C-alpha atoms as a PDB file:
ATOM      1  CA  MET A   1      73.994 129.186  91.576  1.00  0.00           C
ATOM      2  CA  PRO A   2      75.355 125.869  92.892  1.00  0.00           C
ATOM      3  CA  THR A   3      78.598 125.892  94.840  1.00  0.00           C
ATOM      4  CA  GLN A   4      81.614 124.480  93.007  1.00  0.00           C
ATOM      5  CA  ILE A   5      84.481 123.023  95.044  1.00  0.00           C
ATOM      6  CA  GLU A   6      87.991 122.152  93.860  1.00  0.00           C
ATOM      7  CA  ILE A   7      90.442 120.274  96.109  1.00  0.00           C
ATOM      8  CA  VAL A   8      93.870 121.929  96.191  1.00  0.00           C
ATOM      9  CA  PRO A   9      96.561 119.632  97.637  1.00  0.00           C
ATOM     10  CA  CYS A  10      99.274 121.556  99.508  1.00  0.00           C
ATOM     11  CA  LEU A  11     102.509 120.683 101.327  1.00  0.00           C
ATOM     12  CA  SER A  12     102.763 116.924 101.960  1.00  0.00           C
ATOM     13  CA  ASP A  13      99.231 116.046 103.095  1.00  0.00           C
ATOM     14  CA  ASN A  14      97.231 119.287 103.451  1.00  0.00           C
ATOM     15  CA  TYR A  15      94.072 120.136 101.578  1.00  0.00           C
ATOM     16  CA  ALA A  16      92.958 123.657 100.719  1.00  0.00           C
ATOM     17  CA  TYR A  17      89.661 124.139  98.909  1.00  0.00           C
ATOM     18  CA  LEU A  18      88.565 126.551  96.207  1.00  0.00           C
ATOM     19  CA  VAL A  19      84.883 127.338  96.667  1.00  0.00           C
ATOM     20  CA  LYS A  20      83.074 129.255  93.919  1.00  0.00           C
ATOM     21  CA  SER A  21      79.568 130.628  93.650  1.00  0.00           C
ATOM     22  CA  GLY A  22      78.604 133.244  91.090  1.00  0.00           C
ATOM     23  CA  GLY A  23      81.306 135.892  90.925  1.00  0.00           C
ATOM     24  CA  GLN A  24      82.779 135.037  94.316  1.00  0.00           C
ATOM     25  CA  CYS A  25      85.560 132.542  94.922  1.00  0.00           C
ATOM     26  CA  ALA A  26      87.169 131.647  98.256  1.00  0.00           C
ATOM     27  CA  ILE A  27      90.176 129.536  99.165  1.00  0.00           C
ATOM     28  CA  VAL A  28      89.818 127.688 102.457  1.00  0.00           C
ATOM     29  CA  ASP A  29      93.003 127.216 104.526  1.00  0.00           C
ATOM     30  CA  PRO A  30      95.773 128.008 102.000  1.00  0.00           C
ATOM     31  CA  SER A  31      98.976 126.722 103.579  1.00  0.00           C
ATOM     32  CA  GLU A  32     101.002 127.991 100.595  1.00  0.00           C
ATOM     33  CA  ALA A  33     100.262 130.219  97.646  1.00  0.00           C
ATOM     34  CA  ALA A  34     101.726 128.335  94.666  1.00  0.00           C
ATOM     35  CA  PRO A  35      99.201 125.448  94.435  1.00  0.00           C
ATOM     36  CA  VAL A  36      96.366 127.954  94.812  1.00  0.00           C
ATOM     37  CA  ARG A  37      97.754 130.084  91.975  1.00  0.00           C
ATOM     38  CA  ALA A  38      97.947 126.993  89.796  1.00  0.00           C
ATOM     39  CA  ALA A  39      94.371 125.983  90.610  1.00  0.00           C
ATOM     40  CA  LEU A  40      93.103 129.498  89.859  1.00  0.00           C
ATOM     41  CA  ALA A  41      94.935 129.474  86.543  1.00  0.00           C
ATOM     42  CA  ARG A  42      93.499 126.067  85.679  1.00  0.00           C
ATOM     43  CA  THR A  43      89.908 126.975  86.539  1.00  0.00           C
ATOM     44  CA  GLY A  44      89.975 130.585  85.391  1.00  0.00           C
ATOM     45  CA  TRP A  45      88.374 131.625  88.684  1.00  0.00           C
ATOM     46  CA  THR A  46      89.148 134.970  90.359  1.00  0.00           C
ATOM     47  CA  LEU A  47      89.912 134.847  94.072  1.00  0.00           C
ATOM     48  CA  THR A  48      87.783 137.171  96.229  1.00  0.00           C
ATOM     49  CA  HIS A  49      88.134 135.670  99.725  1.00  0.00           C
ATOM     50  CA  ILE A  50      90.544 133.690 101.892  1.00  0.00           C
ATOM     51  CA  LEU A  51      88.892 131.655 104.668  1.00  0.00           C
ATOM     52  CA  ASN A  52      90.843 130.355 107.656  1.00  0.00           C
ATOM     53  CA  THR A  53      89.543 127.765 110.126  1.00  0.00           C
ATOM     54  CA  HIS A  54      92.413 128.335 112.591  1.00  0.00           C
ATOM     55  CA  HIS A  55      95.775 130.026 112.996  1.00  0.00           C
ATOM     56  CA  HIS A  56      98.267 127.210 112.292  1.00  0.00           C
ATOM     57  CA  LEU A  57     100.647 128.120 109.468  1.00  0.00           C
ATOM     58  CA  ASP A  58      99.847 124.978 107.494  1.00  0.00           C
ATOM     59  CA  HIS A  59      96.373 126.528 107.109  1.00  0.00           C
ATOM     60  CA  CYS A  60      97.135 130.226 106.677  1.00  0.00           C
ATOM     61  CA  GLY A  61     100.749 130.382 105.461  1.00  0.00           C
ATOM     62  CA  GLY A  62      99.626 131.510 102.006  1.00  0.00           C
ATOM     63  CA  ASN A  63      97.348 134.301 103.249  1.00  0.00           C
ATOM     64  CA  LEU A  64      99.594 137.308 102.789  1.00  0.00           C
ATOM     65  CA  ASP A  65     100.989 136.393  99.373  1.00  0.00           C
ATOM     66  CA  LEU A  66      97.527 135.632  97.993  1.00  0.00           C
ATOM     67  CA  LYS A  67      96.027 138.742  99.544  1.00  0.00           C
ATOM     68  CA  GLN A  68      98.761 140.917  98.045  1.00  0.00           C
ATOM     69  CA  GLU A  69      98.406 139.344  94.600  1.00  0.00           C
ATOM     70  CA  THR A  70      94.604 139.287  94.379  1.00  0.00           C
ATOM     71  CA  GLY A  71      93.229 141.777  96.894  1.00  0.00           C
ATOM     72  CA  ALA A  72      91.154 138.960  98.416  1.00  0.00           C
ATOM     73  CA  LYS A  73      89.633 139.606 101.845  1.00  0.00           C
ATOM     74  CA  VAL A  74      90.809 137.346 104.685  1.00  0.00           C
ATOM     75  CA  VAL A  75      87.972 135.935 106.805  1.00  0.00           C
ATOM     76  CA  GLY A  76      88.658 133.958 109.970  1.00  0.00           C
ATOM     77  CA  PRO A  77      87.982 133.508 113.678  1.00  0.00           C
ATOM     78  CA  GLY A  78      87.475 136.900 115.256  1.00  0.00           C
ATOM     79  CA  LYS A  79      88.386 135.509 118.673  1.00  0.00           C
ATOM     80  CA  ASP A  80      91.848 134.630 117.337  1.00  0.00           C
ATOM     81  CA  ALA A  81      92.353 137.773 115.256  1.00  0.00           C
ATOM     82  CA  ALA A  82      95.913 138.399 116.478  1.00  0.00           C
ATOM     83  CA  ARG A  83      97.086 135.056 115.067  1.00  0.00           C
ATOM     84  CA  ILE A  84      95.419 135.117 111.617  1.00  0.00           C
ATOM     85  CA  PRO A  85      97.759 136.765 109.058  1.00  0.00           C
ATOM     86  CA  GLY A  86      96.089 139.647 107.216  1.00  0.00           C
ATOM     87  CA  LEU A  87      92.673 139.159 108.808  1.00  0.00           C
ATOM     88  CA  ASP A  88      90.083 141.591 107.411  1.00  0.00           C
ATOM     89  CA  VAL A  89      86.828 140.113 108.704  1.00  0.00           C
ATOM     90  CA  GLY A  90      86.590 138.353 112.066  1.00  0.00           C
ATOM     91  CA  VAL A  91      83.603 136.021 112.373  1.00  0.00           C
ATOM     92  CA  ASP A  92      81.972 133.887 115.048  1.00  0.00           C
ATOM     93  CA  GLU A  93      78.710 132.030 115.582  1.00  0.00           C
ATOM     94  CA  SER A  94      76.741 135.208 116.199  1.00  0.00           C
ATOM     95  CA  THR A  95      77.966 137.060 113.099  1.00  0.00           C
ATOM     96  CA  GLY A  96      78.008 134.199 110.613  1.00  0.00           C
ATOM     97  CA  TRP A  97      79.159 135.280 107.180  1.00  0.00           C
ATOM     98  CA  GLU A  98      77.756 135.823 103.702  1.00  0.00           C
ATOM     99  CA  PHE A  99      79.071 134.364 100.445  1.00  0.00           C
ATOM    100  CA  ASP A 100      77.537 135.239  97.078  1.00  0.00           C
ATOM    101  CA  GLY A 101      74.383 136.378  98.835  1.00  0.00           C
ATOM    102  CA  ARG A 102      73.918 133.199 100.857  1.00  0.00           C
ATOM    103  CA  LYS A 103      74.166 132.787 104.615  1.00  0.00           C
ATOM    104  CA  VAL A 104      77.237 130.882 105.782  1.00  0.00           C
ATOM    105  CA  GLN A 105      77.001 129.209 109.171  1.00  0.00           C
ATOM    106  CA  VAL A 106      80.061 129.653 111.384  1.00  0.00           C
ATOM    107  CA  LEU A 107      80.495 127.124 114.197  1.00  0.00           C
ATOM    108  CA  GLU A 108      82.965 127.786 116.996  1.00  0.00           C
ATOM    109  CA  VAL A 109      84.758 124.484 117.634  1.00  0.00           C
ATOM    110  CA  PRO A 110      87.679 125.130 120.017  1.00  0.00           C
ATOM    111  CA  ALA A 111      90.175 122.543 121.316  1.00  0.00           C
ATOM    112  CA  HIS A 112      92.693 121.969 118.518  1.00  0.00           C
ATOM    113  CA  THR A 113      93.155 125.734 118.825  1.00  0.00           C
ATOM    114  CA  ARG A 114      91.137 128.005 121.085  1.00  0.00           C
ATOM    115  CA  GLY A 115      89.772 129.987 118.128  1.00  0.00           C
ATOM    116  CA  ALA A 116      88.994 127.142 115.710  1.00  0.00           C
ATOM    117  CA  ILE A 117      85.892 127.525 113.561  1.00  0.00           C
ATOM    118  CA  THR A 118      84.048 125.554 110.904  1.00  0.00           C
ATOM    119  CA  PHE A 119      82.460 127.213 107.874  1.00  0.00           C
ATOM    120  CA  VAL A 120      79.251 125.596 106.581  1.00  0.00           C
ATOM    121  CA  ILE A 121      78.515 126.740 103.018  1.00  0.00           C
ATOM    122  CA  ASP A 122      75.314 125.174 101.697  1.00  0.00           C
ATOM    123  CA  SER A 123      75.747 121.539 102.815  1.00  0.00           C
ATOM    124  CA  ASN A 124      79.556 121.660 102.933  1.00  0.00           C
ATOM    125  CA  ALA A 125      81.381 121.813 106.282  1.00  0.00           C
ATOM    126  CA  PHE A 126      85.002 122.963 106.139  1.00  0.00           C
ATOM    127  CA  THR A 127      86.226 121.553 109.430  1.00  0.00           C
ATOM    128  CA  GLY A 128      89.956 122.335 109.317  1.00  0.00           C
ATOM    129  CA  ASP A 129      91.725 120.217 111.931  1.00  0.00           C
ATOM    130  CA  THR A 130      88.763 119.734 114.295  1.00  0.00           C
ATOM    131  CA  LEU A 131      86.962 116.851 112.577  1.00  0.00           C
ATOM    132  CA  PHE A 132      88.974 114.662 110.222  1.00  0.00           C
ATOM    133  CA  THR A 133      87.701 111.810 108.120  1.00  0.00           C
ATOM    134  CA  LEU A 134      87.863 108.944 110.665  1.00  0.00           C
ATOM    135  CA  GLY A 135      89.663 111.186 113.166  1.00  0.00           C
ATOM    136  CA  CYS A 136      89.866 114.453 115.052  1.00  0.00           C
ATOM    137  CA  GLY A 137      92.562 117.014 115.765  1.00  0.00           C
ATOM    138  CA  ARG A 138      95.046 116.928 118.611  1.00  0.00           C
ATOM    139  CA  LEU A 139      94.117 118.881 121.718  1.00  0.00           C
ATOM    140  CA  PHE A 140      96.762 121.592 121.485  1.00  0.00           C
ATOM    141  CA  GLU A 141      94.757 124.351 123.177  1.00  0.00           C
ATOM    142  CA  GLY A 142      91.881 122.502 124.799  1.00  0.00           C
ATOM    143  CA  ASP A 143      90.938 119.409 126.784  1.00  0.00           C
ATOM    144  CA  PRO A 144      88.770 116.337 126.073  1.00  0.00           C
ATOM    145  CA  GLN A 145      85.608 118.041 127.345  1.00  0.00           C
ATOM    146  CA  MET A 146      86.157 121.022 125.052  1.00  0.00           C
ATOM    147  CA  MET A 147      86.801 118.861 121.984  1.00  0.00           C
ATOM    148  CA  TRP A 148      83.876 116.553 122.722  1.00  0.00           C
ATOM    149  CA  THR A 149      81.614 119.614 122.960  1.00  0.00           C
ATOM    150  CA  SER A 150      82.956 120.867 119.615  1.00  0.00           C
ATOM    151  CA  LEU A 151      82.526 117.501 117.882  1.00  0.00           C
ATOM    152  CA  SER A 152      79.037 117.127 119.360  1.00  0.00           C
ATOM    153  CA  LYS A 153      78.169 120.489 117.797  1.00  0.00           C
ATOM    154  CA  LEU A 154      79.333 119.264 114.388  1.00  0.00           C
ATOM    155  CA  MET A 155      77.250 116.096 114.840  1.00  0.00           C
ATOM    156  CA  THR A 156      74.100 118.249 114.942  1.00  0.00           C
ATOM    157  CA  LEU A 157      74.597 119.086 111.249  1.00  0.00           C
ATOM    158  CA  PRO A 158      72.429 117.074 108.830  1.00  0.00           C
ATOM    159  CA  ASP A 159      73.823 113.629 108.030  1.00  0.00           C
ATOM    160  CA  ASP A 160      74.226 114.487 104.342  1.00  0.00           C
ATOM    161  CA  THR A 161      76.504 117.453 105.131  1.00  0.00           C
ATOM    162  CA  LYS A 162      79.811 116.930 103.333  1.00  0.00           C
ATOM    163  CA  VAL A 163      82.961 117.052 105.460  1.00  0.00           C
ATOM    164  CA  TRP A 164      85.996 118.737 103.880  1.00  0.00           C
ATOM    165  CA  CYS A 165      88.869 118.484 106.368  1.00  0.00           C
ATOM    166  CA  GLY A 166      92.387 119.877 106.449  1.00  0.00           C
ATOM    167  CA  HIS A 167      94.537 116.788 105.869  1.00  0.00           C
ATOM    168  CA  GLU A 168      94.684 113.436 104.089  1.00  0.00           C
ATOM    169  CA  TYR A 169      94.889 111.343 107.258  1.00  0.00           C
ATOM    170  CA  THR A 170      92.062 108.907 106.558  1.00  0.00           C
ATOM    171  CA  GLN A 171      94.077 105.750 105.988  1.00  0.00           C
ATOM    172  CA  SER A 172      96.120 105.996 109.192  1.00  0.00           C
ATOM    173  CA  ASN A 173      93.065 107.140 111.138  1.00  0.00           C
ATOM    174  CA  GLY A 174      91.189 104.101 109.875  1.00  0.00           C
ATOM    175  CA  ARG A 175      93.930 101.700 110.902  1.00  0.00           C
ATOM    176  CA  PHE A 176      93.665 103.107 114.421  1.00  0.00           C
ATOM    177  CA  ALA A 177      89.853 102.941 114.361  1.00  0.00           C
ATOM    178  CA  LEU A 178      89.971  99.231 113.534  1.00  0.00           C
ATOM    179  CA  THR A 179      92.043  98.534 116.663  1.00  0.00           C
ATOM    180  CA  LEU A 180      89.117  99.818 118.756  1.00  0.00           C
ATOM    181  CA  GLU A 181      86.132  98.585 116.757  1.00  0.00           C
ATOM    182  CA  PRO A 182      87.278  95.676 114.562  1.00  0.00           C
ATOM    183  CA  HIS A 183      83.748  94.279 114.163  1.00  0.00           C
ATOM    184  CA  ASN A 184      82.201  97.530 112.867  1.00  0.00           C
ATOM    185  CA  ALA A 185      80.978  96.419 109.430  1.00  0.00           C
ATOM    186  CA  ALA A 186      80.539  99.979 108.167  1.00  0.00           C
ATOM    187  CA  LEU A 187      84.114 100.809 109.187  1.00  0.00           C
ATOM    188  CA  LYS A 188      85.544  97.714 107.491  1.00  0.00           C
ATOM    189  CA  ALA A 189      83.659  98.480 104.279  1.00  0.00           C
ATOM    190  CA  ARG A 190      84.790 102.075 104.387  1.00  0.00           C
ATOM    191  CA  MET A 191      88.426 101.107 104.822  1.00  0.00           C
ATOM    192  CA  GLU A 192      88.264  98.960 101.710  1.00  0.00           C
ATOM    193  CA  GLU A 193      87.113 102.052  99.801  1.00  0.00           C
ATOM    194  CA  VAL A 194      89.746 104.242 101.465  1.00  0.00           C
ATOM    195  CA  ASN A 195      92.576 101.848 100.641  1.00  0.00           C
ATOM    196  CA  ALA A 196      91.410 101.552  97.030  1.00  0.00           C
ATOM    197  CA  ALA A 197      91.240 105.346  96.709  1.00  0.00           C
ATOM    198  CA  ARG A 198      94.725 105.854  98.121  1.00  0.00           C
ATOM    199  CA  ASP A 199      96.170 103.068  95.970  1.00  0.00           C
ATOM    200  CA  ALA A 200      94.771 104.950  92.963  1.00  0.00           C
ATOM    201  CA  GLY A 201      96.111 108.281  94.223  1.00  0.00           C
ATOM    202  CA  ARG A 202      92.634 109.697  94.844  1.00  0.00           C
ATOM    203  CA  PRO A 203      91.670 111.841  97.858  1.00  0.00           C
ATOM    204  CA  THR A 204      89.387 110.361 100.512  1.00  0.00           C
ATOM    205  CA  VAL A 205      87.491 113.629 100.982  1.00  0.00           C
ATOM    206  CA  PRO A 206      84.749 114.559 101.163  1.00  0.00           C
ATOM    207  CA  SER A 207      83.086 112.361 103.723  1.00  0.00           C
ATOM    208  CA  THR A 208      79.684 113.061 105.297  1.00  0.00           C
ATOM    209  CA  ILE A 209      78.561 113.694 108.851  1.00  0.00           C
ATOM    210  CA  GLY A 210      76.397 110.552 108.654  1.00  0.00           C
ATOM    211  CA  LEU A 211      79.321 108.371 107.569  1.00  0.00           C
ATOM    212  CA  GLU A 212      81.537 109.802 110.288  1.00  0.00           C
ATOM    213  CA  LYS A 213      78.915 109.026 112.930  1.00  0.00           C
ATOM    214  CA  LYS A 214      78.946 105.372 111.827  1.00  0.00           C
ATOM    215  CA  THR A 215      82.708 104.896 111.496  1.00  0.00           C
ATOM    216  CA  ASN A 216      84.761 107.589 113.262  1.00  0.00           C
ATOM    217  CA  PRO A 217      85.757 106.384 116.761  1.00  0.00           C
ATOM    218  CA  PHE A 218      86.046 109.949 118.050  1.00  0.00           C
ATOM    219  CA  LEU A 219      82.313 110.391 117.443  1.00  0.00           C
ATOM    220  CA  ARG A 220      81.510 106.970 118.924  1.00  0.00           C
ATOM    221  CA  PRO A 221      82.485 106.930 122.609  1.00  0.00           C
ATOM    222  CA  ALA A 222      79.079 105.350 123.342  1.00  0.00           C
ATOM    223  CA  SER A 223      79.985 102.275 121.244  1.00  0.00           C
ATOM    224  CA  ALA A 224      79.871  99.121 123.387  1.00  0.00           C
ATOM    225  CA  GLU A 225      82.711  97.566 121.370  1.00  0.00           C
ATOM    226  CA  ILE A 226      84.964 100.602 121.771  1.00  0.00           C
ATOM    227  CA  ARG A 227      84.245 100.732 125.503  1.00  0.00           C
ATOM    228  CA  LYS A 228      85.064  97.028 125.825  1.00  0.00           C
ATOM    229  CA  SER A 229      88.296  97.488 123.849  1.00  0.00           C
ATOM    230  CA  LEU A 230      89.302 100.237 126.279  1.00  0.00           C
ATOM    231  CA  GLY A 231      88.077  98.466 129.421  1.00  0.00           C
ATOM    232  CA  MET A 232      85.825 101.476 130.116  1.00  0.00           C
ATOM    233  CA  GLU A 233      82.340  99.967 129.972  1.00  0.00           C
ATOM    234  CA  ARG A 234      80.991 102.164 132.773  1.00  0.00           C
ATOM    235  CA  ALA A 235      82.836 105.419 132.050  1.00  0.00           C
ATOM    236  CA  GLY A 236      81.254 108.624 130.750  1.00  0.00           C
ATOM    237  CA  ASP A 237      81.488 109.659 127.118  1.00  0.00           C
ATOM    238  CA  VAL A 238      84.045 112.412 127.781  1.00  0.00           C
ATOM    239  CA  ALA A 239      86.357 110.030 129.656  1.00  0.00           C
ATOM    240  CA  VAL A 240      86.091 107.461 126.863  1.00  0.00           C
ATOM    241  CA  PHE A 241      86.736 110.150 124.237  1.00  0.00           C
ATOM    242  CA  GLY A 242      89.777 111.352 126.206  1.00  0.00           C
ATOM    243  CA  GLU A 243      91.210 107.836 126.312  1.00  0.00           C
ATOM    244  CA  ILE A 244      90.656 107.394 122.559  1.00  0.00           C
ATOM    245  CA  ARG A 245      92.515 110.657 121.909  1.00  0.00           C
ATOM    246  CA  ALA A 246      95.356 109.692 124.253  1.00  0.00           C
ATOM    247  CA  ARG A 247      95.789 106.332 122.512  1.00  0.00           C
ATOM    248  CA  LYS A 248      95.713 107.915 119.069  1.00  0.00           C
ATOM    249  CA  ASP A 249      98.476 110.311 120.170  1.00  0.00           C
ATOM    250  CA  LYS A 250     100.707 107.273 120.763  1.00  0.00           C
ATOM    251  CA  PHE A 251      99.514 105.168 117.796  1.00  0.00           C
END
């Protein structure tokens, strides 16, 4: 049974995702319950699981209401169990998870939060606030080395893996990316598509791991143009990544 995915916009710029296979249906990172209820009513799907990538309330604020209403099981990072509302099943890389009889890969990707995880269901990576389209999360509970290690782990996924991230930040991320790598043809072409999508009110997700490798500056600290833009031609990748993150924080 192929996996079906429905984007559920929440709050001002969050995305939750309904994921259905067979008789099982999960919501990934529900910041609030009402949009999820509406999406379930529209699709006719029955919620069985709530998946959380990390503990921030704009990703798990709807957990308890949805759990009470549907009896869905909450699945999230076991190493951050105390901060995941209603957690029933704590997972990590060693446990993985199972959804409708299929193996789900769990990647531990700390830095935005110390317990952050990514769920990989079939060829779909739900990256929360670790990897964004054209960006990455702020380093609230980690340092540049930790985040670079986490992003490098995500880059080992096949290039055709779809990236479903936690926010609609692509346009602003892309404007920043162009300040560092203005001659990246793939980035310029992508931004034309991004701007057209946003002008039409369409989401810019999903992306793919392959597209992110070509256009996302946070995955490209080895780029000669980015290094020249930063004046860091001889620095290591982690130092370059750290400078990119620091500049984005002020952008």
